[in-house]
Amino acid sequence: MSEPQEAPHGTAPSGAVNLTKYAWLSIAAALATIALKTGAWWITGSVGLLSDAAESVVNLVAAVIALVALTVAARPPDAEHHYGHGKAEYFSAAIEGLMIFVAAAVILVTAVQRLLNPVELESLGIGLAISLVATGINGFVGLLLIRVGRQHRSATLTADGKHLMTDVWTSAGVVVGVLLVAITGWLQLDAIVAIAVALNILVTGAKLVSHSTSALLDAALSPGELEVVTSVLEAHRSADVDFHGLQTRTSGRHRFVAVHVLVPGAWSVQQAHDVVEVVEADLKAALDGVEVSTHVEPREDERSYDDSAYDASPRRTP
């Protein structure tokens, strides 16, 4: 049976893609939007626009954390981390979720103070125009990060992209709210919009933390990916060959599959080896970058069926 080969120290694993350039793009977008949104708040005095600027500061911190996480996750397996460093991405996503909580708390405190003590807004046209430019930047970068993150199974980029898209919707809500303030003259509406923004991003933060926590607990492959694995195994089932003890897990961009292969006890080691080599090759072809571990057992031995704590195989032969 083949074993995964360790990549040379200091290099990315075979097939890995360097995603740090997207983290740098996120940092650049955060810096640009901080400058624009802070300027919009300074011009107008709107607490809604201030809340929008505060979230952009969180975006910057999150982007820096994402850069660190992607750099660590790209490291190859070593003596202390035999399965690589992919889970660093989940720490990044969890921290980003917590950062969203902090931003929401700051926004809520500021908004409540402004609700109790409303202030006249100024130069709304210029301020809103600046905010819309910043929103456009976040929208473009956010959609790009989500697309690349899903393509390369990067929890960090996907979380960062979703955070930016939350910022886009937040900004849209703020712009509408500030426009309504200008139309109606109801100054408290500015603070109410900011409170709604805070509650919205709290929901996003909770989802990020929940997803990251689940992944850190060695979540299995998605139902779609598991179906691909079981389809490959079904294609290799025969009168002589069967499978059980299927277990899967994800670690950042890395996916792992372990399965027991049941063959006649009279087979030679070479015969069994030839079978698992083909099975492993087909699984790797079906799921790019997956690491496969196989364990050969004699089908006639009853002990072969009682050595796995969980079996995700669609069926098993007694």
Protein backbone atom coordinates (compact mmCIF):
# COMPACT_ATOMS: atom_id res chain seq x y z
CA MET A 1 0.00 0.00 0.00
CA SER A 2 1.25 3.43 -0.84
CA GLU A 3 1.88 6.06 1.83
CA PRO A 4 1.77 9.84 1.34
CA GLN A 5 5.21 11.23 0.66
CA GLU A 6 6.45 14.13 2.74
CA ALA A 7 7.16 17.26 0.78
CA PRO A 8 10.65 18.77 1.13
CA HIS A 9 10.85 21.00 4.17
CA GLY A 10 9.86 24.58 3.40
CA THR A 11 7.88 23.79 0.28
CA ALA A 12 4.17 23.51 -0.27
CA PRO A 13 2.65 20.03 -0.70
CA SER A 14 2.24 18.74 -4.22
CA GLY A 15 -0.72 20.37 -5.96
CA ALA A 16 -1.03 23.13 -3.36
CA VAL A 17 -1.84 26.64 -4.53
CA ASN A 18 -0.33 29.73 -2.91
CA LEU A 19 -3.36 31.69 -1.72
CA THR A 20 -1.52 34.39 0.24
CA LYS A 21 -1.79 36.83 -2.66
CA TYR A 22 -5.53 36.94 -2.06
CA ALA A 23 -4.95 37.75 1.60
CA TRP A 24 -2.74 40.66 0.49
CA LEU A 25 -5.56 41.79 -1.81
CA SER A 26 -7.94 41.69 1.14
CA ILE A 27 -5.51 43.78 3.21
CA ALA A 28 -5.26 46.36 0.42
CA ALA A 29 -9.05 46.51 0.11
CA ALA A 30 -9.42 46.94 3.89
CA LEU A 31 -6.92 49.82 3.95
CA ALA A 32 -8.68 51.54 1.07
CA THR A 33 -12.16 51.16 2.57
CA ILE A 34 -10.99 52.31 6.02
CA ALA A 35 -9.69 55.52 4.49
CA LEU A 36 -12.83 56.07 2.41
CA LYS A 37 -15.38 55.23 5.09
CA THR A 38 -13.57 57.19 7.79
CA GLY A 39 -13.59 60.16 5.43
CA ALA A 40 -17.32 59.70 4.84
CA TRP A 41 -17.99 59.65 8.59
CA TRP A 42 -15.76 62.67 9.19
CA ILE A 43 -17.61 64.67 6.55
CA THR A 44 -21.15 63.72 7.61
CA GLY A 45 -20.92 62.93 11.33
CA SER A 46 -23.18 59.90 10.75
CA VAL A 47 -22.90 57.19 13.40
CA GLY A 48 -24.16 54.76 10.75
CA LEU A 49 -21.17 55.55 8.56
CA LEU A 50 -18.94 55.37 11.64
CA SER A 51 -20.19 51.85 12.31
CA ASP A 52 -19.40 50.99 8.70
CA ALA A 53 -15.86 52.33 9.11
CA ALA A 54 -15.42 50.36 12.35
CA GLU A 55 -16.27 47.12 10.56
CA SER A 56 -13.63 47.92 7.95
CA VAL A 57 -11.03 48.09 10.73
CA VAL A 58 -12.12 44.58 11.72
CA ASN A 59 -11.75 43.58 8.06
CA LEU A 60 -8.14 44.74 8.15
CA VAL A 61 -7.32 42.77 11.29
CA ALA A 62 -9.09 39.73 9.87
CA ALA A 63 -7.16 40.01 6.59
CA VAL A 64 -3.84 40.11 8.45
CA ILE A 65 -4.88 37.04 10.48
CA ALA A 66 -5.91 35.35 7.23
CA LEU A 67 -2.47 36.04 5.74
CA VAL A 68 -0.76 34.44 8.73
CA ALA A 69 -3.14 31.46 8.69
CA LEU A 70 -2.68 30.80 4.97
CA THR A 71 1.10 31.01 5.34
CA VAL A 72 1.05 28.47 8.19
CA ALA A 73 -1.49 26.20 6.47
CA ALA A 74 0.73 25.97 3.36
CA ARG A 75 3.56 24.39 5.33
CA PRO A 76 4.16 20.71 4.53
CA PRO A 77 3.87 17.88 7.09
CA ASP A 78 6.77 17.68 9.53
CA ALA A 79 7.91 15.66 12.54
CA GLU A 80 5.46 17.45 14.86
CA HIS A 81 2.51 17.70 12.43
CA HIS A 82 2.22 14.52 10.38
CA TYR A 83 -1.02 15.64 8.71
CA GLY A 84 0.21 19.12 7.82
CA HIS A 85 -0.95 22.49 9.16
CA GLY A 86 -4.29 22.89 7.35
CA LYS A 87 -6.31 23.48 10.52
CA ALA A 88 -4.62 26.85 10.96
CA GLU A 89 -7.27 28.14 8.54
CA TYR A 90 -10.06 27.25 10.95
CA PHE A 91 -8.41 29.24 13.74
CA SER A 92 -8.36 32.21 11.38
CA ALA A 93 -12.06 31.84 10.55
CA ALA A 94 -12.95 31.49 14.25
CA ILE A 95 -10.91 34.55 15.20
CA GLU A 96 -12.56 36.51 12.42
CA GLY A 97 -15.95 35.55 13.81
CA LEU A 98 -14.91 36.75 17.26
CA MET A 99 -13.60 39.99 15.75
CA ILE A 100 -17.04 40.55 14.24
CA PHE A 101 -18.52 40.26 17.75
CA VAL A 102 -16.14 42.98 18.97
CA ALA A 103 -17.09 45.28 16.08
CA ALA A 104 -20.78 44.71 16.75
CA ALA A 105 -20.34 45.60 20.43
CA VAL A 106 -18.53 48.85 19.56
CA ILE A 107 -21.21 49.76 17.03
CA LEU A 108 -24.03 49.03 19.49
CA VAL A 109 -22.52 51.19 22.24
CA THR A 110 -21.93 54.10 19.85
CA ALA A 111 -25.36 53.77 18.27
CA VAL A 112 -27.21 53.74 21.59
CA GLN A 113 -25.35 56.88 22.69
CA ARG A 114 -26.30 58.60 19.42
CA LEU A 115 -29.90 57.38 19.76
CA LEU A 116 -30.13 59.14 23.11
CA ASN A 117 -28.28 62.20 21.84
CA PRO A 118 -29.03 62.69 18.11
CA VAL A 119 -26.77 64.97 16.05
CA GLU A 120 -27.51 66.85 12.83
CA LEU A 121 -25.79 65.28 9.79
CA GLU A 122 -23.81 67.28 7.22
CA SER A 123 -22.66 66.97 3.58
CA LEU A 124 -24.57 63.73 3.09
CA GLY A 125 -24.20 63.66 -0.69
CA ILE A 126 -20.39 63.60 -0.65
CA GLY A 127 -20.27 61.20 2.29
CA LEU A 128 -22.62 58.70 0.68
CA ALA A 129 -20.76 58.86 -2.64
CA ILE A 130 -17.50 58.01 -0.87
CA SER A 131 -19.21 55.16 1.01
CA LEU A 132 -20.56 53.71 -2.24
CA VAL A 133 -17.05 53.62 -3.75
CA ALA A 134 -15.81 51.72 -0.70
CA THR A 135 -18.77 49.35 -0.95
CA GLY A 136 -17.91 48.61 -4.58
CA ILE A 137 -14.34 47.70 -3.62
CA ASN A 138 -15.53 45.35 -0.88
CA GLY A 139 -18.09 43.74 -3.18
CA PHE A 140 -15.54 42.96 -5.88
CA VAL A 141 -12.92 41.58 -3.49
CA GLY A 142 -15.48 39.70 -1.40
CA LEU A 143 -16.96 37.81 -4.37
CA LEU A 144 -13.45 37.00 -5.62
CA LEU A 145 -12.37 35.60 -2.24
CA ILE A 146 -15.49 33.44 -1.93
CA ARG A 147 -14.99 32.02 -5.44
CA VAL A 148 -11.29 31.25 -4.88
CA GLY A 149 -11.95 29.97 -1.36
CA ARG A 150 -14.56 27.48 -2.56
CA GLN A 151 -12.45 26.46 -5.53
CA HIS A 152 -9.46 25.64 -3.30
CA ARG A 153 -11.44 24.61 -0.19
CA SER A 154 -9.92 27.44 1.85
CA ALA A 155 -11.93 28.14 5.01
CA THR A 156 -9.90 31.31 5.56
CA LEU A 157 -10.60 32.92 2.17
CA THR A 158 -14.25 31.84 2.19
CA ALA A 159 -14.75 33.32 5.67
CA ASP A 160 -12.95 36.53 4.70
CA GLY A 161 -15.02 36.83 1.53
CA LYS A 162 -18.29 36.27 3.39
CA HIS A 163 -17.22 38.86 5.95
CA LEU A 164 -16.60 41.39 3.18
CA MET A 165 -19.97 40.61 1.59
CA THR A 166 -21.59 41.16 4.99
CA ASP A 167 -19.84 44.52 4.98
CA VAL A 168 -21.33 45.23 1.55
CA TRP A 169 -24.88 44.61 2.76
CA THR A 170 -24.10 46.54 5.91
CA SER A 171 -22.94 49.50 3.85
CA ALA A 172 -26.01 49.31 1.63
CA GLY A 173 -28.23 49.43 4.70
CA VAL A 174 -26.30 52.36 6.12
CA VAL A 175 -26.55 54.31 2.86
CA VAL A 176 -30.31 53.75 2.69
CA GLY A 177 -30.67 54.73 6.34
CA VAL A 178 -28.67 57.93 5.96
CA LEU A 179 -30.65 58.83 2.84
CA LEU A 180 -33.87 58.40 4.81
CA VAL A 181 -32.47 60.67 7.52
CA ALA A 182 -31.86 63.32 4.87
CA ILE A 183 -35.37 62.88 3.45
CA THR A 184 -37.34 62.64 6.68
CA GLY A 185 -35.17 64.67 9.03
CA TRP A 186 -35.59 61.98 11.69
CA LEU A 187 -32.09 61.97 13.21
CA GLN A 188 -32.67 58.92 15.45
CA LEU A 189 -33.01 56.80 12.33
CA ASP A 190 -29.24 57.04 11.84
CA ALA A 191 -28.67 55.30 15.18
CA ILE A 192 -31.41 52.74 14.54
CA VAL A 193 -29.72 51.76 11.26
CA ALA A 194 -26.41 51.35 13.09
CA ILE A 195 -28.04 49.06 15.68
CA ALA A 196 -29.58 46.95 12.89
CA VAL A 197 -26.14 46.71 11.27
CA ALA A 198 -24.63 45.47 14.54
CA LEU A 199 -27.28 42.78 14.98
CA ASN A 200 -26.80 41.63 11.37
CA ILE A 201 -23.04 41.17 11.69
CA LEU A 202 -23.52 39.36 15.02
CA VAL A 203 -25.40 36.66 13.10
CA THR A 204 -22.54 36.41 10.59
CA GLY A 205 -19.97 36.11 13.36
CA ALA A 206 -21.96 33.36 15.08
CA LYS A 207 -22.11 31.35 11.84
CA LEU A 208 -18.35 31.68 11.27
CA VAL A 209 -17.51 30.55 14.81
CA SER A 210 -19.95 27.64 14.60
CA HIS A 211 -18.52 26.40 11.28
CA SER A 212 -14.91 26.72 12.45
CA THR A 213 -15.61 24.88 15.71
CA SER A 214 -17.23 22.01 13.83
CA ALA A 215 -14.27 21.76 11.43
CA LEU A 216 -11.76 21.74 14.30
CA LEU A 217 -13.55 18.64 15.60
CA ASP A 218 -12.48 16.71 12.47
CA ALA A 219 -15.67 17.12 10.47
CA ALA A 220 -16.25 14.49 7.78
CA LEU A 221 -16.24 15.26 4.07
CA SER A 222 -19.34 16.95 2.71
CA PRO A 223 -22.23 14.68 1.61
CA GLY A 224 -21.34 15.32 -2.03
CA GLU A 225 -17.68 14.41 -1.53
CA LEU A 226 -18.61 11.34 0.50
CA GLU A 227 -20.86 10.22 -2.33
CA VAL A 228 -17.91 10.49 -4.72
CA VAL A 229 -15.80 8.30 -2.42
CA THR A 230 -18.47 5.63 -1.99
CA SER A 231 -19.11 5.59 -5.75
CA VAL A 232 -15.44 4.81 -6.39
CA LEU A 233 -15.50 2.03 -3.80
CA GLU A 234 -18.70 0.57 -5.27
CA ALA A 235 -17.02 0.45 -8.68
CA HIS A 236 -14.26 -1.75 -7.24
CA ARG A 237 -16.49 -4.13 -5.28
CA SER A 238 -16.46 -7.69 -6.63
CA ALA A 239 -16.82 -11.27 -5.53
CA ASP A 240 -13.34 -11.03 -4.03
CA VAL A 241 -13.02 -7.39 -2.98
CA ASP A 242 -15.14 -5.46 -0.50
CA PHE A 243 -14.74 -2.41 1.76
CA HIS A 244 -15.72 -1.28 5.24
CA GLY A 245 -14.50 1.00 8.00
CA LEU A 246 -14.70 4.09 5.78
CA GLN A 247 -13.73 7.25 7.67
CA THR A 248 -13.14 10.74 6.31
CA ARG A 249 -12.08 14.11 7.66
CA THR A 250 -11.13 17.58 6.50
CA SER A 251 -8.25 19.78 7.61
CA GLY A 252 -8.32 23.16 5.92
CA ARG A 253 -7.78 22.56 2.21
CA HIS A 254 -6.69 18.97 2.86
CA ARG A 255 -9.00 15.95 2.79
CA PHE A 256 -8.31 12.51 4.23
CA VAL A 257 -9.95 9.16 3.49
CA ALA A 258 -9.27 5.89 5.34
CA VAL A 259 -10.87 2.58 4.41
CA HIS A 260 -10.36 -1.13 5.10
CA VAL A 261 -10.08 -3.39 2.05
CA LEU A 262 -11.39 -6.95 2.40
CA VAL A 263 -9.76 -9.56 0.15
CA PRO A 264 -9.49 -13.37 0.20
CA GLY A 265 -7.08 -14.52 2.87
CA ALA A 266 -5.37 -16.82 0.36
CA TRP A 267 -4.28 -13.86 -1.77
CA SER A 268 -0.63 -12.92 -1.86
CA VAL A 269 0.56 -9.57 -0.54
CA GLN A 270 1.27 -8.54 -4.13
CA GLN A 271 -2.31 -9.27 -5.23
CA ALA A 272 -3.77 -7.20 -2.40
CA HIS A 273 -1.25 -4.43 -3.01
CA ASP A 274 -2.20 -4.23 -6.69
CA VAL A 275 -5.87 -3.80 -5.77
CA VAL A 276 -5.37 -1.03 -3.21
CA GLU A 277 -3.00 0.83 -5.53
CA VAL A 278 -5.75 1.08 -8.12
CA VAL A 279 -8.38 2.01 -5.53
CA GLU A 280 -6.18 4.75 -4.06
CA ALA A 281 -5.33 6.11 -7.51
CA ASP A 282 -9.02 6.28 -8.48
CA LEU A 283 -9.95 8.05 -5.23
CA LYS A 284 -7.19 10.63 -5.76
CA ALA A 285 -8.33 11.16 -9.33
CA ALA A 286 -11.94 11.67 -8.17
CA LEU A 287 -11.05 14.08 -5.33
CA ASP A 288 -8.10 16.32 -6.12
CA GLY A 289 -5.50 16.47 -3.36
CA VAL A 290 -7.09 13.83 -1.11
CA GLU A 291 -4.81 11.67 1.06
CA VAL A 292 -5.88 8.01 1.12
CA SER A 293 -4.98 5.35 3.71
CA THR A 294 -5.98 1.72 3.14
CA HIS A 295 -5.79 -1.34 5.36
CA VAL A 296 -6.00 -4.87 3.90
CA GLU A 297 -7.91 -7.57 5.82
CA PRO A 298 -8.95 -11.17 5.06
CA ARG A 299 -12.68 -11.38 4.32
CA GLU A 300 -13.03 -14.76 6.01
CA ASP A 301 -11.74 -13.56 9.40
CA GLU A 302 -14.57 -12.38 11.71
CA ARG A 303 -12.13 -10.04 13.45
CA SER A 304 -11.89 -8.02 10.22
CA TYR A 305 -15.39 -6.64 10.81
CA ASP A 306 -15.05 -5.41 14.39
CA ASP A 307 -12.09 -3.02 14.27
CA SER A 308 -13.61 0.31 13.23
CA ALA A 309 -15.43 2.70 15.56
CA TYR A 310 -17.45 4.24 12.72
CA ASP A 311 -18.20 3.04 9.22
CA ALA A 312 -19.40 5.47 6.54
CA SER A 313 -19.51 2.76 3.86
CA PRO A 314 -22.92 2.36 2.20
CA ARG A 315 -22.94 -1.34 3.09
CA ARG A 316 -20.63 -4.01 4.44
CA THR A 317 -20.32 -7.71 3.70
CA PRO A 318 -20.39 -10.02 6.77
